[in-house]
Structures are given as C-alpha cells and as structure tokens.
Protein backbone atom coordinates (compact mmCIF):
# COMPACT_ATOMS: atom_id res chain seq x y z
CA MET A 1 270.96 57.63 142.49
CA PRO A 2 273.24 57.94 145.53
CA PRO A 3 272.31 55.78 148.51
CA LEU A 4 269.89 57.37 150.96
CA ILE A 5 270.54 56.85 154.67
CA LEU A 6 268.41 57.82 157.63
CA ALA A 7 270.70 58.57 160.58
CA SER A 8 268.26 57.17 163.09
CA THR A 9 267.03 53.96 164.63
CA SER A 10 263.66 55.55 165.47
CA ARG A 11 260.86 53.37 164.15
CA TYR A 12 258.68 56.49 163.92
CA ARG A 13 261.12 58.26 161.60
CA GLN A 14 261.61 55.12 159.55
CA GLU A 15 257.85 54.72 159.09
CA LEU A 16 257.53 58.35 158.03
CA LEU A 17 260.41 58.20 155.54
CA THR A 18 258.88 55.07 154.01
CA ARG A 19 255.98 57.26 152.84
CA LEU A 20 258.30 58.86 150.27
CA ARG A 21 258.86 55.45 148.61
CA LEU A 22 262.59 56.00 148.27
CA PRO A 23 264.82 53.07 149.18
CA PHE A 24 266.87 53.88 152.27
CA GLU A 25 268.94 52.30 154.98
CA ALA A 26 268.72 53.25 158.67
CA VAL A 27 272.01 53.66 160.52
CA ALA A 28 272.39 54.53 164.18
CA PRO A 29 274.29 57.79 164.68
CA GLU A 30 276.75 57.90 167.54
CA VAL A 31 275.96 61.34 168.94
CA ASP A 32 275.88 62.64 172.50
CA GLU A 33 272.44 64.23 172.90
CA THR A 34 273.23 66.13 176.09
CA PRO A 35 272.11 69.77 175.84
CA LEU A 36 274.85 72.39 176.08
CA ALA A 37 274.69 74.86 178.95
CA GLY A 38 272.07 77.48 178.17
CA GLU A 39 271.08 75.85 174.86
CA VAL A 40 267.51 76.66 173.87
CA PRO A 41 265.29 73.85 172.52
CA ALA A 42 265.27 75.03 168.88
CA ALA A 43 269.07 75.29 168.78
CA LEU A 44 269.41 71.90 170.47
CA ALA A 45 267.15 70.21 167.91
CA GLU A 46 269.05 71.80 165.00
CA ARG A 47 272.48 70.98 166.42
CA LEU A 48 271.57 67.35 167.07
CA ALA A 49 269.90 66.82 163.68
CA LEU A 50 273.00 68.11 161.89
CA ALA A 51 275.37 66.19 164.19
CA LYS A 52 273.51 62.93 163.52
CA ALA A 53 273.59 63.46 159.75
CA ARG A 54 277.27 64.41 159.80
CA ALA A 55 278.22 61.44 162.00
CA VAL A 56 276.70 58.95 159.58
CA ALA A 57 277.85 60.87 156.47
CA SER A 58 281.44 60.62 157.72
CA LEU A 59 281.09 56.83 157.41
CA HIS A 60 279.21 57.00 154.09
CA PRO A 61 280.67 60.00 152.20
CA HIS A 62 278.87 59.29 148.90
CA ALA A 63 275.42 58.97 150.44
CA VAL A 64 272.61 61.42 151.06
CA VAL A 65 272.11 61.31 154.83
CA ILE A 66 269.07 62.55 156.74
CA GLY A 67 269.37 63.43 160.42
CA SER A 68 266.51 64.59 162.59
CA ASP A 69 265.87 65.51 166.19
CA GLN A 70 262.90 66.67 168.21
CA VAL A 71 262.84 68.60 171.46
CA ALA A 72 259.70 69.54 173.35
CA ASP A 73 259.90 73.19 174.43
CA LEU A 74 258.03 74.11 177.60
CA ASP A 75 258.56 77.82 178.23
CA GLY A 76 262.08 77.64 176.83
CA GLU A 77 263.05 74.51 178.76
CA PRO A 78 263.92 71.43 176.69
CA LEU A 79 261.96 68.28 177.49
CA GLY A 80 263.50 65.21 175.93
CA LYS A 81 262.52 61.55 175.93
CA PRO A 82 261.43 60.63 179.45
CA GLY A 83 262.93 57.12 179.45
CA SER A 84 260.78 55.95 182.37
CA HIS A 85 257.20 55.84 183.58
CA ALA A 86 257.87 58.22 186.48
CA ALA A 87 259.62 60.78 184.26
CA ALA A 88 256.82 60.60 181.68
CA ARG A 89 254.21 61.16 184.38
CA ALA A 90 256.12 64.19 185.67
CA GLN A 91 256.42 65.64 182.14
CA LEU A 92 252.71 65.25 181.42
CA GLN A 93 251.73 66.73 184.79
CA ARG A 94 253.85 69.81 184.00
CA MET A 95 252.46 70.07 180.46
CA SER A 96 248.80 69.59 181.46
CA GLY A 97 246.64 72.50 180.29
CA ARG A 98 249.60 74.28 178.70
CA GLU A 99 251.07 74.96 175.29
CA VAL A 100 254.20 73.05 174.31
CA VAL A 101 256.20 73.77 171.16
CA PHE A 102 257.75 70.70 169.57
CA GLN A 103 260.93 71.79 167.78
CA THR A 104 261.66 69.24 165.05
CA ALA A 105 264.78 69.73 162.96
CA VAL A 106 265.86 67.82 159.86
CA ALA A 107 269.28 68.00 158.24
CA VAL A 108 270.56 66.57 154.98
CA VAL A 109 274.26 66.02 154.43
CA ALA A 110 275.45 64.94 150.98
CA PRO A 111 278.47 65.66 148.79
CA GLY A 112 278.51 69.46 148.51
CA LEU A 113 275.54 69.98 150.82
CA ALA A 114 274.93 70.37 154.54
CA ALA A 115 271.53 71.94 155.10
CA ILE A 116 269.06 72.12 157.94
CA GLU A 117 265.42 73.11 158.38
CA ARG A 118 263.23 73.23 161.47
CA ALA A 119 259.48 72.90 161.91
CA GLU A 120 257.66 74.15 164.97
CA VAL A 121 254.51 72.39 166.10
CA ARG A 122 252.44 74.18 168.70
CA VAL A 123 250.48 71.75 170.83
CA ARG A 124 247.96 72.67 173.48
CA LEU A 125 247.37 69.92 175.99
CA ARG A 126 244.01 69.83 177.69
CA PRO A 127 243.92 69.76 181.49
CA LEU A 128 244.71 66.17 182.48
CA SER A 129 243.84 64.29 185.64
CA ASP A 130 246.38 61.98 187.24
CA ARG A 131 244.10 59.05 186.33
CA GLU A 132 244.04 60.07 182.65
CA ILE A 133 247.82 60.42 182.61
CA GLU A 134 248.25 56.99 184.19
CA THR A 135 245.76 55.37 181.78
CA TYR A 136 247.55 56.92 178.82
CA LEU A 137 251.03 55.95 180.02
CA LEU A 138 250.05 52.34 180.64
CA ALA A 139 248.42 52.11 177.19
CA ASP A 140 251.03 53.86 175.02
CA GLN A 141 254.24 53.68 177.08
CA PRO A 142 255.65 56.78 175.30
CA TYR A 143 258.99 56.64 177.09
CA ASP A 144 260.91 57.09 173.82
CA CYS A 145 258.92 60.15 172.69
CA ALA A 146 259.96 63.75 173.36
CA GLY A 147 257.55 65.26 175.85
CA SER A 148 255.89 61.86 176.46
CA ALA A 149 253.33 62.55 173.74
CA LYS A 150 252.75 59.79 171.17
CA VAL A 151 250.12 61.53 169.04
CA GLU A 152 250.04 58.83 166.37
CA SER A 153 248.33 56.64 168.97
CA LEU A 154 246.21 57.29 172.08
CA GLY A 155 248.27 60.39 172.85
CA ILE A 156 246.02 62.35 170.49
CA ALA A 157 243.42 62.24 173.31
CA LEU A 158 245.72 64.41 175.45
CA LEU A 159 245.41 67.37 173.10
CA ASP A 160 243.09 70.30 172.52
CA ALA A 161 244.89 71.63 169.44
CA VAL A 162 247.85 71.18 167.10
CA VAL A 163 249.15 73.97 164.84
CA SER A 164 251.85 73.31 162.23
CA ASP A 165 252.68 73.88 158.58
CA ASP A 166 254.42 70.45 158.42
CA PRO A 167 252.15 67.99 160.26
CA THR A 168 254.48 64.98 160.29
CA ALA A 169 256.96 67.05 162.31
CA LEU A 170 255.05 66.18 165.46
CA ILE A 171 255.79 62.48 164.92
CA GLY A 172 259.49 63.21 164.48
CA LEU A 173 260.35 63.87 160.83
CA PRO A 174 258.96 66.92 159.00
CA LEU A 175 258.39 65.37 155.58
CA ILE A 176 257.62 68.60 153.74
CA ARG A 177 260.97 70.04 154.77
CA THR A 178 262.65 66.67 154.21
CA CYS A 179 261.42 66.67 150.60
CA GLN A 180 262.71 70.21 150.12
CA LEU A 181 266.16 69.21 151.39
CA LEU A 182 266.23 65.99 149.36
CA ARG A 183 265.51 67.99 146.19
CA ARG A 184 268.49 70.23 147.03
CA ALA A 185 270.59 67.05 147.31
CA GLY A 186 269.39 65.86 143.88
CA LEU A 187 266.80 63.32 145.04
CA GLU A 188 263.26 63.87 143.81
CA PRO A 189 260.61 61.76 145.58
CA LEU A 190 258.24 62.16 142.61
CA ALA A 191 260.78 61.25 139.92
C-alpha cells in the first residue's frame, strides 16, 4: 500500500481521517490561501484543496495525498477563518438568522491521479443575540474555523438546520467523497 498523507495540520481533519482506520501522516502544505480577485467560494475551496494536495505530493511523489479546504459562503462572499475574537464576532453577527453554505472540497493526488470533489453543506443559523455570540466565542474560541462555527462542539447551538449529503463536510473533510477518491487511487478503507 502506498503511503497516505493528509496535506493538513488541522486537528479536525486529522480526527476525521482517523475514522477510516488507514495509517496516515499529516504534512503541512505550503500554500497561499489568499482568494483570487472575483473568485467565488466554491472555486476557492476547490483550488486550495487541489493546491494543498499537489504541494505535498510534489515532495512525496509515490504517496496518495489528500488535500481539503473549506470556505463559508455568505451570499457569494467567502468567509474564511476569522483568526481573532473580534473577527469571529463580526462574522457571526453577519450570519445570524441567515443561511450560509459551507463549501468543502477534497482532492486526492497520487501517481496517475489528480481528482477533486466538493460537498456543499447548507446551514441556517438561528437569530443570535450579542450575548449568545459572546458566550459561544468565549467557550469554543472557533478562531481557526471557517465562518466561526465549530459545530462539533457548542457551535451546534447556533444552528436551526443543517442540510448535506456528506455530513462530515461541515467539520472540514467530507469522508464520503474522500472514500470515493481513495478508491480511485487504489486505497480501499474496508479492505
């Protein structure tokens, strides 16, 4: 079996990939995540997922490399990781009571293969008071999560609804699509 590498240092993606019980190594991709002028969130997520996988695959040409990226899409505007308390508060205030589409792309690069899939997760946030936002931010500190929503923790209390055909996509790695791409690369999680 060729080595499997996750082109990410995200603990969320690492925890998700562990569910497949395949041995893997996590390697940080060196990729500029700045959106291109006019780039829509879905295209940004796909471009970055593939760029991350290709960056690590160039250093490990015999490996199967998984890259992934997630961009929160608010009316066509990309919302990335807030990075700070103030930015997270501003994101959640804008998203309050609205639908946000989380665009999560996964790419697999291996010898003879460079493939990408994307999962959309539609999330409807309930109307949030400033006090609720502050309580949530202090508890979860989701400054490394696209759209400031850490749904695997207290962030689930922010939501009215989640719609997706690949539920782990909201956490950052769509495992159904990942399994499909791994099979194309010759790795079968159930082997």
